[in-house]
Amino acid sequence: MIRVYRINTGSCGGCDVEIEAAVAGSRELAWADSPYSADALLLTGPLTTSSRPAFLALWNELGDRLPLLAVGRCAIDGHPFGRGGMAELPQIEARLLEGCPPAPGAIVEAIKRLVVPDKRTRRS
């Protein structure tokens, strides 16, 4: 079971709805109670000015412990707002999943590709 934790940083909610559908429809995914018990961190939204400090504080605390998946165009480059997303944080390694929003099946597959190889080498 892959446990995921989602952080919405100002999204319209479209990607969040598709992530909900992906987790609900998959026997391989479940919600983590906190980012500390998660196998993967999912980011939605363009990282607004007000959400960026909280996200960065959490990321700095977690370090490289969790793989990060930026779900949707807003999380990738701030589209349609013209700026934002992981494009403004090149120091953080994240996998990118295109779409506005991406389909639930694409989300499930992206999470599996993100986490499964990582679980084989991660120390418990």
PDB file of N, CA and C in Angstrom:
ATOM      1  N   MET A   1       0.845  -1.178   0.000  1.00  0.00           N
ATOM      2  CA  MET A   1       0.000   0.000   0.000  1.00  0.00           C
ATOM      3  C   MET A   1       0.892   1.244   0.000  1.00  0.00           C
ATOM      4  N   ILE A   2       0.638   2.129  -0.917  1.00  0.00           N
ATOM      5  CA  ILE A   2       1.376   3.389  -1.011  1.00  0.00           C
ATOM      6  C   ILE A   2       0.536   4.478  -0.335  1.00  0.00           C
ATOM      7  N   ARG A   3       1.092   5.086   0.684  1.00  0.00           N
ATOM      8  CA  ARG A   3       0.388   6.141   1.424  1.00  0.00           C
ATOM      9  C   ARG A   3       0.796   7.512   0.878  1.00  0.00           C
ATOM     10  N   VAL A   4      -0.207   8.315   0.520  1.00  0.00           N
ATOM     11  CA  VAL A   4       0.048   9.633  -0.064  1.00  0.00           C
ATOM     12  C   VAL A   4      -0.508  10.736   0.821  1.00  0.00           C
ATOM     13  N   TYR A   5       0.165  11.865   0.765  1.00  0.00           N
ATOM     14  CA  TYR A   5      -0.288  13.063   1.476  1.00  0.00           C
ATOM     15  C   TYR A   5      -0.301  14.209   0.472  1.00  0.00           C
ATOM     16  N   ARG A   6      -1.419  14.914   0.405  1.00  0.00           N
ATOM     17  CA  ARG A   6      -1.583  15.994  -0.576  1.00  0.00           C
ATOM     18  C   ARG A   6      -1.510  17.349   0.116  1.00  0.00           C
ATOM     19  N   ILE A   7      -0.827  18.279  -0.566  1.00  0.00           N
ATOM     20  CA  ILE A   7      -0.774  19.663  -0.115  1.00  0.00           C
ATOM     21  C   ILE A   7      -1.313  20.541  -1.232  1.00  0.00           C
ATOM     22  N   ASN A   8      -2.372  21.285  -0.939  1.00  0.00           N
ATOM     23  CA  ASN A   8      -2.959  22.224  -1.895  1.00  0.00           C
ATOM     24  C   ASN A   8      -2.365  23.593  -1.607  1.00  0.00           C
ATOM     25  N   THR A   9      -1.673  24.151  -2.596  1.00  0.00           N
ATOM     26  CA  THR A   9      -1.025  25.456  -2.416  1.00  0.00           C
ATOM     27  C   THR A   9      -1.682  26.519  -3.291  1.00  0.00           C
ATOM     28  N   GLY A  10      -3.014  26.518  -3.284  1.00  0.00           N
ATOM     29  CA  GLY A  10      -3.744  27.548  -4.012  1.00  0.00           C
ATOM     30  C   GLY A  10      -4.388  27.095  -5.296  1.00  0.00           C
ATOM     31  N   SER A  11      -4.636  25.795  -5.431  1.00  0.00           N
ATOM     32  CA  SER A  11      -5.213  25.295  -6.685  1.00  0.00           C
ATOM     33  C   SER A  11      -6.704  25.600  -6.765  1.00  0.00           C
ATOM     34  N   CYS A  12      -7.270  25.421  -7.947  1.00  0.00           N
ATOM     35  CA  CYS A  12      -8.703  25.602  -8.156  1.00  0.00           C
ATOM     36  C   CYS A  12      -9.493  24.440  -7.582  1.00  0.00           C
ATOM     37  N   GLY A  13      -8.824  23.345  -7.297  1.00  0.00           N
ATOM     38  CA  GLY A  13      -9.458  22.155  -6.752  1.00  0.00           C
ATOM     39  C   GLY A  13      -9.620  21.029  -7.760  1.00  0.00           C
ATOM     40  N   GLY A  14      -9.406  21.311  -9.043  1.00  0.00           N
ATOM     41  CA  GLY A  14      -9.573  20.291 -10.068  1.00  0.00           C
ATOM     42  C   GLY A  14      -8.637  19.110  -9.878  1.00  0.00           C
ATOM     43  N   CYS A  15      -7.367  19.370  -9.652  1.00  0.00           N
ATOM     44  CA  CYS A  15      -6.404  18.288  -9.452  1.00  0.00           C
ATOM     45  C   CYS A  15      -6.699  17.541  -8.151  1.00  0.00           C
ATOM     46  N   ASP A  16      -7.160  18.277  -7.146  1.00  0.00           N
ATOM     47  CA  ASP A  16      -7.490  17.646  -5.868  1.00  0.00           C
ATOM     48  C   ASP A  16      -8.625  16.641  -6.030  1.00  0.00           C
ATOM     49  N   VAL A  17      -9.640  16.996  -6.813  1.00  0.00           N
ATOM     50  CA  VAL A  17     -10.763  16.089  -7.068  1.00  0.00           C
ATOM     51  C   VAL A  17     -10.271  14.844  -7.795  1.00  0.00           C
ATOM     52  N   GLU A  18      -9.390  15.013  -8.757  1.00  0.00           N
ATOM     53  CA  GLU A  18      -8.869  13.865  -9.506  1.00  0.00           C
ATOM     54  C   GLU A  18      -7.969  12.998  -8.629  1.00  0.00           C
ATOM     55  N   ILE A  19      -7.229  13.595  -7.720  1.00  0.00           N
ATOM     56  CA  ILE A  19      -6.416  12.813  -6.780  1.00  0.00           C
ATOM     57  C   ILE A  19      -7.332  12.014  -5.858  1.00  0.00           C
ATOM     58  N   GLU A  20      -8.395  12.639  -5.376  1.00  0.00           N
ATOM     59  CA  GLU A  20      -9.377  11.929  -4.539  1.00  0.00           C
ATOM     60  C   GLU A  20      -9.908  10.710  -5.283  1.00  0.00           C
ATOM     61  N   ALA A  21     -10.279  10.896  -6.556  1.00  0.00           N
ATOM     62  CA  ALA A  21     -10.793   9.794  -7.364  1.00  0.00           C
ATOM     63  C   ALA A  21      -9.729   8.721  -7.560  1.00  0.00           C
ATOM     64  N   ALA A  22      -8.489   9.125  -7.747  1.00  0.00           N
ATOM     65  CA  ALA A  22      -7.404   8.165  -7.947  1.00  0.00           C
ATOM     66  C   ALA A  22      -7.204   7.300  -6.706  1.00  0.00           C
ATOM     67  N   VAL A  23      -7.176   7.919  -5.543  1.00  0.00           N
ATOM     68  CA  VAL A  23      -6.975   7.165  -4.299  1.00  0.00           C
ATOM     69  C   VAL A  23      -8.182   6.271  -4.019  1.00  0.00           C
ATOM     70  N   ALA A  24      -9.383   6.809  -4.195  1.00  0.00           N
ATOM     71  CA  ALA A  24     -10.602   6.036  -3.933  1.00  0.00           C
ATOM     72  C   ALA A  24     -10.732   4.843  -4.882  1.00  0.00           C
ATOM     73  N   GLY A  25     -10.240   4.975  -6.095  1.00  0.00           N
ATOM     74  CA  GLY A  25     -10.394   3.927  -7.097  1.00  0.00           C
ATOM     75  C   GLY A  25      -9.250   2.943  -7.180  1.00  0.00           C
ATOM     76  N   SER A  26      -8.250   3.091  -6.337  1.00  0.00           N
ATOM     77  CA  SER A  26      -7.074   2.228  -6.414  1.00  0.00           C
ATOM     78  C   SER A  26      -6.903   1.421  -5.138  1.00  0.00           C
ATOM     79  N   ARG A  27      -6.655   0.141  -5.304  1.00  0.00           N
ATOM     80  CA  ARG A  27      -6.361  -0.711  -4.142  1.00  0.00           C
ATOM     81  C   ARG A  27      -4.920  -0.545  -3.673  1.00  0.00           C
ATOM     82  N   GLU A  28      -4.126   0.144  -4.471  1.00  0.00           N
ATOM     83  CA  GLU A  28      -2.703   0.300  -4.147  1.00  0.00           C
ATOM     84  C   GLU A  28      -2.390   1.599  -3.413  1.00  0.00           C
ATOM     85  N   LEU A  29      -3.370   2.514  -3.337  1.00  0.00           N
ATOM     86  CA  LEU A  29      -3.141   3.810  -2.723  1.00  0.00           C
ATOM     87  C   LEU A  29      -4.024   3.995  -1.495  1.00  0.00           C
ATOM     88  N   ALA A  30      -3.523   4.758  -0.543  1.00  0.00           N
ATOM     89  CA  ALA A  30      -4.285   5.135   0.649  1.00  0.00           C
ATOM     90  C   ALA A  30      -3.796   6.497   1.116  1.00  0.00           C
ATOM     91  N   TRP A  31      -4.633   7.165   1.886  1.00  0.00           N
ATOM     92  CA  TRP A  31      -4.248   8.464   2.441  1.00  0.00           C
ATOM     93  C   TRP A  31      -3.351   8.277   3.660  1.00  0.00           C
ATOM     94  N   ALA A  32      -2.316   9.062   3.752  1.00  0.00           N
ATOM     95  CA  ALA A  32      -1.481   9.110   4.950  1.00  0.00           C
ATOM     96  C   ALA A  32      -2.107  10.116   5.916  1.00  0.00           C
ATOM     97  N   ASP A  33      -1.976   9.849   7.200  1.00  0.00           N
ATOM     98  CA  ASP A  33      -2.519  10.750   8.215  1.00  0.00           C
ATOM     99  C   ASP A  33      -1.748  12.063   8.294  1.00  0.00           C
ATOM    100  N   SER A  34      -0.488  12.014   7.931  1.00  0.00           N
ATOM    101  CA  SER A  34       0.359  13.208   7.975  1.00  0.00           C
ATOM    102  C   SER A  34       1.475  13.029   6.954  1.00  0.00           C
ATOM    103  N   PRO A  35       2.183  14.099   6.636  1.00  0.00           N
ATOM    104  CA  PRO A  35       3.303  13.932   5.705  1.00  0.00           C
ATOM    105  C   PRO A  35       4.409  13.046   6.284  1.00  0.00           C
ATOM    106  N   TYR A  36       4.452  12.912   7.592  1.00  0.00           N
ATOM    107  CA  TYR A  36       5.493  12.116   8.236  1.00  0.00           C
ATOM    108  C   TYR A  36       5.248  10.618   8.108  1.00  0.00           C
ATOM    109  N   SER A  37       4.008  10.230   7.830  1.00  0.00           N
ATOM    110  CA  SER A  37       3.709   8.808   7.650  1.00  0.00           C
ATOM    111  C   SER A  37       3.471   8.462   6.178  1.00  0.00           C
ATOM    112  N   ALA A  38       3.743   9.396   5.285  1.00  0.00           N
ATOM    113  CA  ALA A  38       3.482   9.203   3.858  1.00  0.00           C
ATOM    114  C   ALA A  38       4.666   8.561   3.143  1.00  0.00           C
ATOM    115  N   ASP A  39       4.344   7.922   2.029  1.00  0.00           N
ATOM    116  CA  ASP A  39       5.363   7.403   1.118  1.00  0.00           C
ATOM    117  C   ASP A  39       5.642   8.390  -0.007  1.00  0.00           C
ATOM    118  N   ALA A  40       4.685   9.290  -0.254  1.00  0.00           N
ATOM    119  CA  ALA A  40       4.834  10.294  -1.311  1.00  0.00           C
ATOM    120  C   ALA A  40       4.052  11.545  -0.935  1.00  0.00           C
ATOM    121  N   LEU A  41       4.585  12.674  -1.369  1.00  0.00           N
ATOM    122  CA  LEU A  41       3.946  13.970  -1.170  1.00  0.00           C
ATOM    123  C   LEU A  41       3.441  14.451  -2.523  1.00  0.00           C
ATOM    124  N   LEU A  42       2.160  14.823  -2.581  1.00  0.00           N
ATOM    125  CA  LEU A  42       1.552  15.323  -3.813  1.00  0.00           C
ATOM    126  C   LEU A  42       1.280  16.807  -3.646  1.00  0.00           C
ATOM    127  N   LEU A  43       1.708  17.598  -4.611  1.00  0.00           N
ATOM    128  CA  LEU A  43       1.536  19.047  -4.561  1.00  0.00           C
ATOM    129  C   LEU A  43       0.572  19.488  -5.649  1.00  0.00           C
ATOM    130  N   THR A  44      -0.439  20.275  -5.270  1.00  0.00           N
ATOM    131  CA  THR A  44      -1.333  20.887  -6.249  1.00  0.00           C
ATOM    132  C   THR A  44      -1.292  22.396  -6.040  1.00  0.00           C
ATOM    133  N   GLY A  45      -1.560  23.132  -7.092  1.00  0.00           N
ATOM    134  CA  GLY A  45      -1.615  24.587  -6.990  1.00  0.00           C
ATOM    135  C   GLY A  45      -0.303  25.259  -7.338  1.00  0.00           C
ATOM    136  N   PRO A  46      -0.377  26.588  -7.564  1.00  0.00           N
ATOM    137  CA  PRO A  46       0.772  27.334  -8.075  1.00  0.00           C
ATOM    138  C   PRO A  46       1.755  27.830  -7.010  1.00  0.00           C
ATOM    139  N   LEU A  47       1.664  27.355  -5.796  1.00  0.00           N
ATOM    140  CA  LEU A  47       2.505  27.854  -4.696  1.00  0.00           C
ATOM    141  C   LEU A  47       2.324  29.364  -4.547  1.00  0.00           C
ATOM    142  N   THR A  48       1.178  29.755  -4.068  1.00  0.00           N
ATOM    143  CA  THR A  48       0.888  31.178  -3.881  1.00  0.00           C
ATOM    144  C   THR A  48       1.843  31.799  -2.869  1.00  0.00           C
ATOM    145  N   THR A  49       1.887  33.101  -2.851  1.00  0.00           N
ATOM    146  CA  THR A  49       2.758  33.825  -1.922  1.00  0.00           C
ATOM    147  C   THR A  49       2.474  33.426  -0.483  1.00  0.00           C
ATOM    148  N   SER A  50       1.207  33.229  -0.152  1.00  0.00           N
ATOM    149  CA  SER A  50       0.867  32.883   1.231  1.00  0.00           C
ATOM    150  C   SER A  50       1.133  31.406   1.555  1.00  0.00           C
ATOM    151  N   SER A  51       1.115  30.517   0.563  1.00  0.00           N
ATOM    152  CA  SER A  51       1.334  29.099   0.844  1.00  0.00           C
ATOM    153  C   SER A  51       2.806  28.688   0.755  1.00  0.00           C
ATOM    154  N   ARG A  52       3.599  29.447   0.048  1.00  0.00           N
ATOM    155  CA  ARG A  52       5.007  29.077  -0.160  1.00  0.00           C
ATOM    156  C   ARG A  52       5.798  28.895   1.140  1.00  0.00           C
ATOM    157  N   PRO A  53       5.710  29.812   2.131  1.00  0.00           N
ATOM    158  CA  PRO A  53       6.493  29.608   3.359  1.00  0.00           C
ATOM    159  C   PRO A  53       6.139  28.315   4.096  1.00  0.00           C
ATOM    160  N   ALA A  54       4.857  27.976   4.155  1.00  0.00           N
ATOM    161  CA  ALA A  54       4.458  26.742   4.839  1.00  0.00           C
ATOM    162  C   ALA A  54       4.972  25.514   4.095  1.00  0.00           C
ATOM    163  N   PHE A  55       4.861  25.523   2.775  1.00  0.00           N
ATOM    164  CA  PHE A  55       5.373  24.399   1.994  1.00  0.00           C
ATOM    165  C   PHE A  55       6.879  24.250   2.175  1.00  0.00           C
ATOM    166  N   LEU A  56       7.606  25.348   2.084  1.00  0.00           N
ATOM    167  CA  LEU A  56       9.065  25.285   2.221  1.00  0.00           C
ATOM    168  C   LEU A  56       9.479  24.830   3.617  1.00  0.00           C
ATOM    169  N   ALA A  57       8.763  25.268   4.643  1.00  0.00           N
ATOM    170  CA  ALA A  57       9.070  24.835   6.007  1.00  0.00           C
ATOM    171  C   ALA A  57       8.885  23.322   6.143  1.00  0.00           C
ATOM    172  N   LEU A  58       7.789  22.820   5.603  1.00  0.00           N
ATOM    173  CA  LEU A  58       7.549  21.375   5.645  1.00  0.00           C
ATOM    174  C   LEU A  58       8.615  20.638   4.848  1.00  0.00           C
ATOM    175  N   TRP A  59       8.917  21.120   3.654  1.00  0.00           N
ATOM    176  CA  TRP A  59       9.918  20.452   2.813  1.00  0.00           C
ATOM    177  C   TRP A  59      11.285  20.457   3.492  1.00  0.00           C
ATOM    178  N   ASN A  60      11.656  21.554   4.099  1.00  0.00           N
ATOM    179  CA  ASN A  60      12.956  21.625   4.781  1.00  0.00           C
ATOM    180  C   ASN A  60      13.003  20.675   5.972  1.00  0.00           C
ATOM    181  N   GLU A  61      11.882  20.499   6.636  1.00  0.00           N
ATOM    182  CA  GLU A  61      11.829  19.574   7.759  1.00  0.00           C
ATOM    183  C   GLU A  61      11.913  18.115   7.300  1.00  0.00           C
ATOM    184  N   LEU A  62      11.240  17.812   6.184  1.00  0.00           N
ATOM    185  CA  LEU A  62      11.231  16.435   5.675  1.00  0.00           C
ATOM    186  C   LEU A  62      12.519  16.069   4.951  1.00  0.00           C
ATOM    187  N   GLY A  63      13.207  17.078   4.445  1.00  0.00           N
ATOM    188  CA  GLY A  63      14.425  16.811   3.690  1.00  0.00           C
ATOM    189  C   GLY A  63      14.125  16.003   2.446  1.00  0.00           C
ATOM    190  N   ASP A  64      14.993  15.078   2.121  1.00  0.00           N
ATOM    191  CA  ASP A  64      14.817  14.250   0.929  1.00  0.00           C
ATOM    192  C   ASP A  64      14.114  12.933   1.244  1.00  0.00           C
ATOM    193  N   ARG A  65      13.471  12.868   2.391  1.00  0.00           N
ATOM    194  CA  ARG A  65      12.828  11.620   2.822  1.00  0.00           C
ATOM    195  C   ARG A  65      11.685  11.196   1.916  1.00  0.00           C
ATOM    196  N   LEU A  66      10.945  12.144   1.373  1.00  0.00           N
ATOM    197  CA  LEU A  66       9.766  11.837   0.562  1.00  0.00           C
ATOM    198  C   LEU A  66       9.950  12.231  -0.890  1.00  0.00           C
ATOM    199  N   PRO A  67       9.513  11.377  -1.795  1.00  0.00           N
ATOM    200  CA  PRO A  67       9.471  11.820  -3.187  1.00  0.00           C
ATOM    201  C   PRO A  67       8.284  12.769  -3.362  1.00  0.00           C
ATOM    202  N   LEU A  68       8.441  13.737  -4.242  1.00  0.00           N
ATOM    203  CA  LEU A  68       7.442  14.780  -4.465  1.00  0.00           C
ATOM    204  C   LEU A  68       6.921  14.692  -5.896  1.00  0.00           C
ATOM    205  N   LEU A  69       5.588  14.724  -6.032  1.00  0.00           N
ATOM    206  CA  LEU A  69       4.946  14.739  -7.337  1.00  0.00           C
ATOM    207  C   LEU A  69       4.144  16.021  -7.461  1.00  0.00           C
ATOM    208  N   ALA A  70       4.518  16.865  -8.415  1.00  0.00           N
ATOM    209  CA  ALA A  70       3.763  18.086  -8.723  1.00  0.00           C
ATOM    210  C   ALA A  70       2.660  17.682  -9.688  1.00  0.00           C
ATOM    211  N   VAL A  71       1.406  17.770  -9.234  1.00  0.00           N
ATOM    212  CA  VAL A  71       0.259  17.290  -9.997  1.00  0.00           C
ATOM    213  C   VAL A  71      -0.429  18.459 -10.694  1.00  0.00           C
ATOM    214  N   GLY A  72      -0.396  18.468 -12.021  1.00  0.00           N
ATOM    215  CA  GLY A  72      -1.077  19.483 -12.807  1.00  0.00           C
ATOM    216  C   GLY A  72      -0.198  20.672 -13.160  1.00  0.00           C
ATOM    217  N   ARG A  73      -0.654  21.409 -14.154  1.00  0.00           N
ATOM    218  CA  ARG A  73       0.127  22.540 -14.677  1.00  0.00           C
ATOM    219  C   ARG A  73       0.398  23.610 -13.636  1.00  0.00           C
ATOM    220  N   CYS A  74      -0.548  23.924 -12.772  1.00  0.00           N
ATOM    221  CA  CYS A  74      -0.315  24.959 -11.760  1.00  0.00           C
ATOM    222  C   CYS A  74       0.871  24.601 -10.874  1.00  0.00           C
ATOM    223  N   ALA A  75       0.923  23.343 -10.446  1.00  0.00           N
ATOM    224  CA  ALA A  75       2.009  22.901  -9.575  1.00  0.00           C
ATOM    225  C   ALA A  75       3.340  22.846 -10.307  1.00  0.00           C
ATOM    226  N   ILE A  76       3.298  22.686 -11.613  1.00  0.00           N
ATOM    227  CA  ILE A  76       4.530  22.604 -12.397  1.00  0.00           C
ATOM    228  C   ILE A  76       5.104  23.989 -12.659  1.00  0.00           C
ATOM    229  N   ASP A  77       4.283  24.892 -13.210  1.00  0.00           N
ATOM    230  CA  ASP A  77       4.828  26.195 -13.605  1.00  0.00           C
ATOM    231  C   ASP A  77       3.895  27.375 -13.356  1.00  0.00           C
ATOM    232  N   GLY A  78       2.841  27.163 -12.568  1.00  0.00           N
ATOM    233  CA  GLY A  78       1.945  28.271 -12.246  1.00  0.00           C
ATOM    234  C   GLY A  78       0.922  28.608 -13.304  1.00  0.00           C
ATOM    235  N   HIS A  79       0.901  27.865 -14.400  1.00  0.00           N
ATOM    236  CA  HIS A  79      -0.058  28.120 -15.470  1.00  0.00           C
ATOM    237  C   HIS A  79      -1.470  28.005 -14.905  1.00  0.00           C
ATOM    238  N   PRO A  80      -2.397  28.827 -15.167  1.00  0.00           N
ATOM    239  CA  PRO A  80      -2.450  29.921 -16.131  1.00  0.00           C
ATOM    240  C   PRO A  80      -2.072  31.279 -15.536  1.00  0.00           C
ATOM    241  N   PHE A  81      -1.482  31.264 -14.344  1.00  0.00           N
ATOM    242  CA  PHE A  81      -1.200  32.511 -13.643  1.00  0.00           C
ATOM    243  C   PHE A  81       0.081  33.194 -14.099  1.00  0.00           C
ATOM    244  N   GLY A  82       0.856  32.526 -14.934  1.00  0.00           N
ATOM    245  CA  GLY A  82       2.045  33.144 -15.499  1.00  0.00           C
ATOM    246  C   GLY A  82       3.323  32.895 -14.732  1.00  0.00           C
ATOM    247  N   ARG A  83       3.202  32.434 -13.493  1.00  0.00           N
ATOM    248  CA  ARG A  83       4.407  32.115 -12.718  1.00  0.00           C
ATOM    249  C   ARG A  83       4.012  31.288 -11.516  1.00  0.00           C
ATOM    250  N   GLY A  84       4.997  30.667 -10.915  1.00  0.00           N
ATOM    251  CA  GLY A  84       4.755  29.858  -9.727  1.00  0.00           C
ATOM    252  C   GLY A  84       5.116  28.411  -9.945  1.00  0.00           C
ATOM    253  N   GLY A  85       4.633  27.583  -9.050  1.00  0.00           N
ATOM    254  CA  GLY A  85       4.879  26.159  -9.127  1.00  0.00           C
ATOM    255  C   GLY A  85       6.329  25.793  -8.885  1.00  0.00           C
ATOM    256  N   MET A  86       6.642  24.549  -9.173  1.00  0.00           N
ATOM    257  CA  MET A  86       7.985  24.032  -8.933  1.00  0.00           C
ATOM    258  C   MET A  86       9.020  24.682  -9.842  1.00  0.00           C
ATOM    259  N   ALA A  87       8.598  25.300 -10.922  1.00  0.00           N
ATOM    260  CA  ALA A  87       9.544  25.991 -11.806  1.00  0.00           C
ATOM    261  C   ALA A  87      10.293  27.091 -11.058  1.00  0.00           C
ATOM    262  N   GLU A  88       9.673  27.635 -10.021  1.00  0.00           N
ATOM    263  CA  GLU A  88      10.329  28.684  -9.236  1.00  0.00           C
ATOM    264  C   GLU A  88      11.160  28.128  -8.083  1.00  0.00           C
ATOM    265  N   LEU A  89      11.192  26.807  -7.938  1.00  0.00           N
ATOM    266  CA  LEU A  89      11.978  26.169  -6.871  1.00  0.00           C
ATOM    267  C   LEU A  89      12.868  25.077  -7.456  1.00  0.00           C
ATOM    268  N   PRO A  90      13.812  25.462  -8.307  1.00  0.00           N
ATOM    269  CA  PRO A  90      14.635  24.443  -8.974  1.00  0.00           C
ATOM    270  C   PRO A  90      15.498  23.632  -8.009  1.00  0.00           C
ATOM    271  N   GLN A  91      15.688  24.109  -6.800  1.00  0.00           N
ATOM    272  CA  GLN A  91      16.503  23.381  -5.824  1.00  0.00           C
ATOM    273  C   GLN A  91      15.776  22.156  -5.261  1.00  0.00           C
ATOM    274  N   ILE A  92      14.466  22.064  -5.491  1.00  0.00           N
ATOM    275  CA  ILE A  92      13.687  20.925  -5.002  1.00  0.00           C
ATOM    276  C   ILE A  92      13.422  19.980  -6.174  1.00  0.00           C
ATOM    277  N   GLU A  93      13.806  18.728  -5.974  1.00  0.00           N
ATOM    278  CA  GLU A  93      13.586  17.734  -7.028  1.00  0.00           C
ATOM    279  C   GLU A  93      12.157  17.216  -6.936  1.00  0.00           C
ATOM    280  N   ALA A  94      11.440  17.344  -8.021  1.00  0.00           N
ATOM    281  CA  ALA A  94      10.060  16.867  -8.071  1.00  0.00           C
ATOM    282  C   ALA A  94       9.800  16.216  -9.416  1.00  0.00           C
ATOM    283  N   ARG A  95       8.990  15.176  -9.401  1.00  0.00           N
ATOM    284  CA  ARG A  95       8.476  14.620 -10.647  1.00  0.00           C
ATOM    285  C   ARG A  95       7.283  15.470 -11.049  1.00  0.00           C
ATOM    286  N   LEU A  96       7.049  15.590 -12.343  1.00  0.00           N
ATOM    287  CA  LEU A  96       6.000  16.461 -12.849  1.00  0.00           C
ATOM    288  C   LEU A  96       4.957  15.637 -13.592  1.00  0.00           C
ATOM    289  N   LEU A  97       3.688  15.900 -13.310  1.00  0.00           N
ATOM    290  CA  LEU A  97       2.595  15.237 -14.000  1.00  0.00           C
ATOM    291  C   LEU A  97       1.743  16.296 -14.669  1.00  0.00           C
ATOM    292  N   GLU A  98       1.860  16.364 -15.988  1.00  0.00           N
ATOM    293  CA  GLU A  98       1.107  17.337 -16.782  1.00  0.00           C
ATOM    294  C   GLU A  98      -0.385  17.071 -16.715  1.00  0.00           C
ATOM    295  N   GLY A  99      -1.153  18.121 -16.998  1.00  0.00           N
ATOM    296  CA  GLY A  99      -2.601  18.003 -17.084  1.00  0.00           C
ATOM    297  C   GLY A  99      -3.281  19.148 -16.386  1.00  0.00           C
ATOM    298  N   CYS A 100      -4.501  19.383 -16.767  1.00  0.00           N
ATOM    299  CA  CYS A 100      -5.284  20.462 -16.155  1.00  0.00           C
ATOM    300  C   CYS A 100      -6.763  20.049 -16.146  1.00  0.00           C
ATOM    301  N   PRO A 101      -7.067  19.124 -15.278  1.00  0.00           N
ATOM    302  CA  PRO A 101      -6.230  18.283 -14.411  1.00  0.00           C
ATOM    303  C   PRO A 101      -5.876  16.960 -15.094  1.00  0.00           C
ATOM    304  N   PRO A 102      -4.877  16.257 -14.559  1.00  0.00           N
ATOM    305  CA  PRO A 102      -4.581  14.926 -15.072  1.00  0.00           C
ATOM    306  C   PRO A 102      -5.682  13.947 -14.652  1.00  0.00           C
ATOM    307  N   ALA A 103      -5.855  12.900 -15.418  1.00  0.00           N
ATOM    308  CA  ALA A 103      -6.875  11.890 -15.135  1.00  0.00           C
ATOM    309  C   ALA A 103      -6.450  11.019 -13.945  1.00  0.00           C
ATOM    310  N   PRO A 104      -7.430  10.464 -13.226  1.00  0.00           N
ATOM    311  CA  PRO A 104      -7.105   9.611 -12.079  1.00  0.00           C
ATOM    312  C   PRO A 104      -6.151   8.457 -12.422  1.00  0.00           C
ATOM    313  N   GLY A 105      -6.347   7.809 -13.561  1.00  0.00           N
ATOM    314  CA  GLY A 105      -5.455   6.715 -13.940  1.00  0.00           C
ATOM    315  C   GLY A 105      -4.021   7.170 -14.128  1.00  0.00           C
ATOM    316  N   ALA A 106      -3.839   8.347 -14.702  1.00  0.00           N
ATOM    317  CA  ALA A 106      -2.492   8.901 -14.884  1.00  0.00           C
ATOM    318  C   ALA A 106      -1.863   9.235 -13.528  1.00  0.00           C
ATOM    319  N   ILE A 107      -2.673   9.690 -12.590  1.00  0.00           N
ATOM    320  CA  ILE A 107      -2.171  10.009 -11.247  1.00  0.00           C
ATOM    321  C   ILE A 107      -1.702   8.741 -10.545  1.00  0.00           C
ATOM    322  N   VAL A 108      -2.508   7.679 -10.611  1.00  0.00           N
ATOM    323  CA  VAL A 108      -2.130   6.405  -9.983  1.00  0.00           C
ATOM    324  C   VAL A 108      -0.813   5.907 -10.565  1.00  0.00           C
ATOM    325  N   GLU A 109      -0.694   5.903 -11.878  1.00  0.00           N
ATOM    326  CA  GLU A 109       0.529   5.404 -12.517  1.00  0.00           C
ATOM    327  C   GLU A 109       1.743   6.263 -12.161  1.00  0.00           C
ATOM    328  N   ALA A 110       1.566   7.578 -12.109  1.00  0.00           N
ATOM    329  CA  ALA A 110       2.676   8.468 -11.760  1.00  0.00           C
ATOM    330  C   ALA A 110       3.136   8.224 -10.322  1.00  0.00           C
ATOM    331  N   ILE A 111       2.204   8.021  -9.417  1.00  0.00           N
ATOM    332  CA  ILE A 111       2.560   7.747  -8.018  1.00  0.00           C
ATOM    333  C   ILE A 111       3.310   6.422  -7.923  1.00  0.00           C
ATOM    334  N   LYS A 112       2.829   5.401  -8.613  1.00  0.00           N
ATOM    335  CA  LYS A 112       3.502   4.102  -8.577  1.00  0.00           C
ATOM    336  C   LYS A 112       4.918   4.201  -9.133  1.00  0.00           C
ATOM    337  N   ARG A 113       5.094   4.909 -10.252  1.00  0.00           N
ATOM    338  CA  ARG A 113       6.443   5.081 -10.822  1.00  0.00           C
ATOM    339  C   ARG A 113       7.337   5.885  -9.877  1.00  0.00           C
ATOM    340  N   LEU A 114       6.746   6.812  -9.150  1.00  0.00           N
ATOM    341  CA  LEU A 114       7.508   7.658  -8.234  1.00  0.00           C
ATOM    342  C   LEU A 114       7.983   6.888  -7.013  1.00  0.00           C
ATOM    343  N   VAL A 115       7.123   6.048  -6.473  1.00  0.00           N
ATOM    344  CA  VAL A 115       7.382   5.449  -5.165  1.00  0.00           C
ATOM    345  C   VAL A 115       7.954   4.044  -5.223  1.00  0.00           C
ATOM    346  N   VAL A 116       7.477   3.204  -6.096  1.00  0.00           N
ATOM    347  CA  VAL A 116       7.863   1.795  -6.056  1.00  0.00           C
ATOM    348  C   VAL A 116       9.370   1.600  -6.157  1.00  0.00           C
ATOM    349  N   PRO A 117      10.078   2.223  -7.111  1.00  0.00           N
ATOM    350  CA  PRO A 117      11.536   2.039  -7.130  1.00  0.00           C
ATOM    351  C   PRO A 117      12.184   2.598  -5.864  1.00  0.00           C
ATOM    352  N   ASP A 118      11.612   3.673  -5.345  1.00  0.00           N
ATOM    353  CA  ASP A 118      12.153   4.315  -4.159  1.00  0.00           C
ATOM    354  C   ASP A 118      12.014   3.419  -2.930  1.00  0.00           C
ATOM    355  N   LYS A 119      10.919   2.685  -2.804  1.00  0.00           N
ATOM    356  CA  LYS A 119      10.698   1.829  -1.636  1.00  0.00           C
ATOM    357  C   LYS A 119      11.725   0.703  -1.555  1.00  0.00           C
ATOM    358  N   ARG A 120      12.243   0.279  -2.673  1.00  0.00           N
ATOM    359  CA  ARG A 120      13.224  -0.817  -2.664  1.00  0.00           C
ATOM    360  C   ARG A 120      14.541  -0.379  -2.056  1.00  0.00           C
ATOM    361  N   THR A 121      14.850   0.894  -2.136  1.00  0.00           N
ATOM    362  CA  THR A 121      16.154   1.358  -1.666  1.00  0.00           C
ATOM    363  C   THR A 121      16.047   2.199  -0.395  1.00  0.00           C
ATOM    364  N   ARG A 122      14.865   2.606  -0.011  1.00  0.00           N
ATOM    365  CA  ARG A 122      14.701   3.464   1.168  1.00  0.00           C
ATOM    366  C   ARG A 122      14.969   2.684   2.444  1.00  0.00           C
ATOM    367  N   ARG A 123      15.674   3.306   3.360  1.00  0.00           N
ATOM    368  CA  ARG A 123      15.902   2.708   4.672  1.00  0.00           C
ATOM    369  C   ARG A 123      14.686   2.940   5.545  1.00  0.00           C
ATOM    370  N   SER A 124      14.307   1.934   6.317  1.00  0.00           N
ATOM    371  CA  SER A 124      13.150   2.078   7.217  1.00  0.00           C
ATOM    372  C   SER A 124      13.571   2.597   8.549  1.00  0.00           C
TER     373      SER A 124
END
